[in-house]
Amino acid sequence: MTGVPRLSAWRKLVLTVRRRWSTSGFWFGLAITVIWPYAMFGTRIGWRGGEHLPRTGGALLALNHVSFSDPIFDVAFCISHGRMPRFLAKAELWDVPVVRSVLGKGGHIPVYRASARAGDAYRGAVEALNRGEIVAFYPEATYTSDPDGWPMKAKNGIGRIALVTGAPVIPVANWGTQDVLPPGTGLPRLLPRREVTIVAGPPVDLSRWLGGPRTRTALDGATAAIMADVTALVAEVRGEQPPAVVHDPDAPARSAALPDQERPAG
């Protein structure tokens, strides 16, 4: 992609070292310091749109998800623009001793799926936003399963949090991270150096739903608007048109559960 500034890896490293301890917690700061040189020197990173991250106050980052390495580069993007993000992450990671220290001390938010504590992540995100934090959210909840890597249909949790708090939602596109660490692999591919691009856009216009009833239709509509802006950024980075129909990973399961007379024809 043209027009994306590529910052000096040394400058990124210096900025990170200066900021990590005051905003990240010891263990998360240590993890950043250890991982940062590999990410910065092992890839060619380009980004733009950092001016859309508010310098103070709460905000949601809505990010597409194509690789386990996404959070590394998303942290880099945020730190280099003066903010430390807090991530929502599956609660199972808190069962891993070292990871538990990194995430817990870094102020990140566990997501308890399909349990009595499923609402904890929602409350934790709202509290973090009310404290003025940046909360990073992967609305798809997992890597995209779209065959061509486009953003897929998202869960509506981000729409609910956005409408309840009124916090601005900043769309962010990741691309190239899937070449650094493809989904399902455990070892990064750093040679030859891969190109990673991160682009943020202006806050999503959710005025249509703000202040109205928070129905399922409203939550789904707000979430779709958020993902439309994220997808537009991904399309810009890729220089391609996204598919006309958004991939829905749950569609086959829903169709199989329908009575025969309610299944779509064809």
Protein backbone atom coordinates (compact mmCIF):
# COMPACT_ATOMS: atom_id res chain seq x y z
CA MET A 1 0.00 0.00 0.00
CA THR A 2 1.34 3.44 -0.87
CA GLY A 3 1.26 6.44 1.42
CA VAL A 4 1.74 4.45 4.66
CA PRO A 5 4.65 5.88 6.67
CA ARG A 6 7.15 3.31 7.91
CA LEU A 7 8.60 4.32 11.24
CA SER A 8 12.14 3.58 12.33
CA ALA A 9 12.26 0.36 14.34
CA TRP A 10 14.69 2.01 16.73
CA ARG A 11 12.29 4.89 17.30
CA LYS A 12 9.48 2.45 18.02
CA LEU A 13 11.67 0.58 20.49
CA VAL A 14 12.65 3.76 22.34
CA LEU A 15 9.03 4.94 22.52
CA THR A 16 7.93 1.60 23.92
CA VAL A 17 10.63 1.43 26.58
CA ARG A 18 9.69 4.92 27.75
CA ARG A 19 5.98 4.18 28.04
CA ARG A 20 5.66 0.55 29.06
CA TRP A 21 6.13 0.75 32.82
CA SER A 22 3.86 3.71 33.49
CA THR A 23 0.86 2.38 31.57
CA SER A 24 1.16 -1.38 31.17
CA GLY A 25 2.03 -2.97 34.49
CA PHE A 26 5.35 -4.74 35.09
CA TRP A 27 4.66 -8.10 33.47
CA PHE A 28 2.90 -6.77 30.40
CA GLY A 29 5.65 -4.18 30.00
CA LEU A 30 8.26 -6.92 30.26
CA ALA A 31 6.47 -9.01 27.65
CA ILE A 32 6.37 -6.04 25.29
CA THR A 33 10.08 -5.44 25.78
CA VAL A 34 10.93 -9.06 25.03
CA ILE A 35 8.69 -9.41 21.97
CA TRP A 36 9.11 -5.93 20.52
CA PRO A 37 12.56 -6.36 18.86
CA TYR A 38 11.42 -9.50 17.03
CA ALA A 39 8.30 -7.78 15.74
CA MET A 40 10.01 -4.54 14.76
CA PHE A 41 13.16 -5.94 13.17
CA GLY A 42 11.54 -9.05 11.73
CA THR A 43 8.86 -7.18 9.75
CA ARG A 44 8.32 -4.05 7.69
CA ILE A 45 5.60 -2.17 9.56
CA GLY A 46 3.55 0.63 8.09
CA TRP A 47 0.64 2.43 9.66
CA ARG A 48 -1.43 5.54 9.50
CA GLY A 49 -4.53 7.02 11.08
CA GLY A 50 -3.07 7.29 14.56
CA GLU A 51 -4.54 10.77 14.83
CA HIS A 52 -7.94 9.12 15.22
CA LEU A 53 -6.97 7.61 18.58
CA PRO A 54 -8.13 10.07 21.25
CA ARG A 55 -5.22 11.23 23.38
CA THR A 56 -7.34 10.99 26.53
CA GLY A 57 -10.61 9.39 27.50
CA GLY A 58 -12.24 6.06 26.81
CA ALA A 59 -12.57 4.62 23.32
CA LEU A 60 -13.22 1.27 21.69
CA LEU A 61 -10.92 -0.07 19.01
CA ALA A 62 -12.72 -2.38 16.58
CA LEU A 63 -10.12 -4.59 14.89
CA ASN A 64 -10.31 -7.35 12.31
CA HIS A 65 -8.57 -10.58 13.29
CA VAL A 66 -6.37 -12.58 10.93
CA SER A 67 -3.53 -13.86 13.15
CA PHE A 68 -2.55 -14.72 16.71
CA SER A 69 0.11 -12.02 16.29
CA ASP A 70 -2.48 -9.24 15.79
CA PRO A 71 -2.35 -8.04 19.41
CA ILE A 72 1.44 -7.57 19.23
CA PHE A 73 1.19 -5.15 16.33
CA ASP A 74 -1.98 -3.51 17.64
CA VAL A 75 -0.20 -2.77 20.92
CA ALA A 76 2.69 -1.31 18.92
CA PHE A 77 0.32 0.92 16.98
CA CYS A 78 -1.41 2.21 20.11
CA ILE A 79 1.73 2.75 22.17
CA SER A 80 3.40 4.65 19.36
CA HIS A 81 0.43 7.02 19.44
CA GLY A 82 0.49 7.50 23.18
CA ARG A 83 -2.11 4.99 24.44
CA MET A 84 -1.94 1.56 26.07
CA PRO A 85 -4.84 -0.69 25.01
CA ARG A 86 -6.66 -3.16 27.23
CA PHE A 87 -7.73 -6.31 25.43
CA LEU A 88 -10.66 -8.64 25.88
CA ALA A 89 -9.22 -12.18 25.81
CA LYS A 90 -10.63 -15.64 26.41
CA ALA A 91 -10.58 -16.55 30.09
CA GLU A 92 -8.69 -19.80 29.45
CA LEU A 93 -5.52 -17.76 28.99
CA TRP A 94 -5.70 -16.81 32.67
CA ASP A 95 -5.08 -20.50 33.45
CA VAL A 96 -1.59 -20.33 31.89
CA PRO A 97 0.84 -19.23 34.66
CA VAL A 98 3.07 -16.77 32.79
CA VAL A 99 0.30 -15.54 30.52
CA ARG A 100 -1.94 -15.01 33.55
CA SER A 101 0.59 -12.58 35.03
CA VAL A 102 1.05 -10.72 31.75
CA LEU A 103 -2.69 -10.29 31.14
CA GLY A 104 -3.84 -9.81 34.71
CA LYS A 105 -1.24 -7.24 35.67
CA GLY A 106 -1.72 -5.48 32.35
CA GLY A 107 -5.35 -4.71 33.14
CA HIS A 108 -6.81 -6.88 30.41
CA ILE A 109 -10.31 -8.31 30.56
CA PRO A 110 -11.13 -12.05 30.63
CA VAL A 111 -14.03 -13.31 28.53
CA TYR A 112 -15.90 -16.26 30.09
CA ARG A 113 -17.77 -17.82 27.22
CA ALA A 114 -20.89 -19.89 27.79
CA SER A 115 -20.70 -19.61 31.57
CA ALA A 116 -22.42 -17.85 34.45
CA ARG A 117 -19.67 -15.24 34.28
CA ALA A 118 -20.25 -14.38 30.63
CA GLY A 119 -21.39 -10.88 31.62
CA ASP A 120 -18.15 -10.11 33.44
CA ALA A 121 -16.38 -9.10 30.22
CA TYR A 122 -19.16 -6.66 29.36
CA ARG A 123 -18.99 -5.07 32.81
CA GLY A 124 -15.19 -5.04 32.73
CA ALA A 125 -15.14 -3.30 29.37
CA VAL A 126 -17.68 -0.69 30.48
CA GLU A 127 -15.69 0.00 33.66
CA ALA A 128 -12.45 0.35 31.69
CA LEU A 129 -14.06 2.80 29.28
CA ASN A 130 -15.49 4.81 32.16
CA ARG A 131 -11.95 5.00 33.60
CA GLY A 132 -10.80 6.53 30.34
CA GLU A 133 -9.09 3.43 28.93
CA ILE A 134 -8.68 2.32 25.34
CA VAL A 135 -10.39 -1.09 25.01
CA ALA A 136 -9.31 -3.21 22.05
CA PHE A 137 -12.04 -5.45 20.71
CA TYR A 138 -11.97 -8.15 18.02
CA PRO A 139 -15.71 -8.22 17.23
CA GLU A 140 -15.44 -11.45 15.22
CA ALA A 141 -14.32 -13.16 18.49
CA THR A 142 -11.84 -15.36 16.60
CA TYR A 143 -9.77 -15.39 13.42
CA THR A 144 -11.85 -14.82 10.33
CA SER A 145 -12.93 -17.99 8.58
CA ASP A 146 -13.69 -16.15 5.36
CA PRO A 147 -11.80 -18.07 2.65
CA ASP A 148 -10.10 -14.90 1.41
CA GLY A 149 -9.40 -13.38 4.81
CA TRP A 150 -12.08 -10.68 4.78
CA PRO A 151 -13.80 -9.66 8.03
CA MET A 152 -16.76 -11.89 8.77
CA LYS A 153 -20.02 -11.27 10.56
CA ALA A 154 -19.30 -10.10 14.11
CA LYS A 155 -20.88 -10.73 17.49
CA ASN A 156 -22.90 -7.73 18.67
CA GLY A 157 -21.16 -7.26 22.02
CA ILE A 158 -19.20 -4.30 20.72
CA GLY A 159 -22.42 -2.65 19.52
CA ARG A 160 -23.96 -3.08 22.95
CA ILE A 161 -20.95 -1.62 24.76
CA ALA A 162 -20.73 1.29 22.33
CA LEU A 163 -24.41 2.21 22.73
CA VAL A 164 -24.39 1.84 26.52
CA THR A 165 -21.24 3.95 27.07
CA GLY A 166 -21.38 6.33 24.12
CA ALA A 167 -17.63 5.81 23.74
CA PRO A 168 -16.23 6.50 20.26
CA VAL A 169 -15.51 3.39 18.20
CA ILE A 170 -12.33 3.60 16.14
CA PRO A 171 -12.17 1.09 13.26
CA VAL A 172 -8.75 -0.48 12.68
CA ALA A 173 -7.55 -2.76 9.88
CA ASN A 174 -4.80 -5.37 10.30
CA TRP A 175 -3.21 -6.87 7.22
CA GLY A 176 -0.02 -8.85 6.73
CA THR A 177 0.04 -10.31 10.23
CA GLN A 178 -1.38 -13.52 8.78
CA ASP A 179 1.88 -13.86 6.82
CA VAL A 180 3.97 -13.38 9.96
CA LEU A 181 2.09 -15.94 12.02
CA PRO A 182 -0.56 -17.79 10.01
CA PRO A 183 -3.53 -19.11 12.02
CA GLY A 184 -2.91 -22.62 13.25
CA THR A 185 0.87 -22.31 13.27
CA GLY A 186 3.15 -21.83 16.26
CA LEU A 187 6.30 -20.40 14.69
CA PRO A 188 6.55 -16.95 13.10
CA ARG A 189 7.76 -16.51 9.54
CA LEU A 190 10.20 -13.62 9.67
CA LEU A 191 12.37 -14.34 6.63
CA PRO A 192 12.01 -12.81 4.20
CA ARG A 193 10.73 -9.85 6.17
CA ARG A 194 6.95 -9.60 5.91
CA GLU A 195 5.02 -6.41 5.40
CA VAL A 196 2.48 -5.55 8.10
CA THR A 197 0.04 -2.68 7.74
CA ILE A 198 -2.27 -1.17 10.36
CA VAL A 199 -4.68 1.63 9.46
CA ALA A 200 -7.16 3.40 11.74
CA GLY A 201 -10.13 5.41 10.55
CA PRO A 202 -12.33 8.12 12.04
CA PRO A 203 -14.94 7.15 14.66
CA VAL A 204 -17.86 5.15 13.34
CA ASP A 205 -21.07 7.15 12.99
CA LEU A 206 -23.50 5.46 15.39
CA SER A 207 -25.82 8.45 15.80
CA ARG A 208 -28.69 6.49 14.27
CA TRP A 209 -28.76 4.15 17.29
CA LEU A 210 -27.44 6.28 20.15
CA GLY A 211 -30.14 7.28 22.61
CA GLY A 212 -32.66 4.82 21.20
CA PRO A 213 -33.87 1.48 22.53
CA ARG A 214 -31.13 -1.13 22.73
CA THR A 215 -33.01 -3.85 20.91
CA ARG A 216 -31.38 -6.78 19.16
CA THR A 217 -32.02 -5.01 15.88
CA ALA A 218 -30.25 -1.87 17.14
CA LEU A 219 -27.27 -3.82 18.49
CA ASP A 220 -26.93 -5.78 15.26
CA GLY A 221 -27.25 -2.60 13.20
CA ALA A 222 -24.59 -0.75 15.18
CA THR A 223 -22.27 -3.74 15.00
CA ALA A 224 -22.77 -4.05 11.24
CA ALA A 225 -21.95 -0.36 10.81
CA ILE A 226 -18.76 -0.82 12.83
CA MET A 227 -17.68 -3.83 10.78
CA ALA A 228 -18.52 -2.06 7.53
CA ASP A 229 -15.98 0.65 8.41
CA VAL A 230 -13.39 -1.94 9.43
CA THR A 231 -13.95 -3.83 6.17
CA ALA A 232 -13.62 -0.62 4.13
CA LEU A 233 -10.20 -0.04 5.71
CA VAL A 234 -9.13 -3.62 4.99
CA ALA A 235 -10.24 -3.15 1.38
CA GLU A 236 -8.21 0.06 1.17
CA VAL A 237 -5.10 -1.68 2.48
CA ARG A 238 -5.54 -4.63 0.13
CA GLY A 239 -6.52 -2.53 -2.87
CA GLU A 240 -9.41 -4.90 -3.51
CA GLN A 241 -13.19 -4.93 -3.26
CA PRO A 242 -14.69 -6.91 -0.37
CA PRO A 243 -17.30 -9.58 -1.09
CA ALA A 244 -20.86 -8.38 -1.55
CA VAL A 245 -22.10 -10.81 1.10
CA VAL A 246 -20.37 -10.90 4.48
CA HIS A 247 -19.24 -14.38 5.50
CA ASP A 248 -21.34 -15.71 8.38
CA PRO A 249 -19.57 -18.58 10.19
CA ASP A 250 -22.77 -19.53 12.03
CA ALA A 251 -25.00 -19.74 8.96
CA PRO A 252 -24.58 -23.51 8.34
CA ALA A 253 -25.25 -24.31 12.00
CA ARG A 254 -28.33 -22.10 12.07
CA SER A 255 -29.63 -23.59 8.82
CA ALA A 256 -29.16 -27.14 10.12
CA ALA A 257 -31.12 -26.28 13.26
CA LEU A 258 -34.12 -24.93 11.34
CA PRO A 259 -37.14 -27.10 10.59
CA ASP A 260 -37.20 -28.19 6.96
CA GLN A 261 -39.97 -25.77 6.04
CA GLU A 262 -37.95 -22.83 7.38
CA ARG A 263 -34.67 -23.60 5.66
CA PRO A 264 -33.64 -21.36 2.78
CA ALA A 265 -34.36 -22.76 -0.64
CA GLY A 266 -31.55 -23.83 -2.96
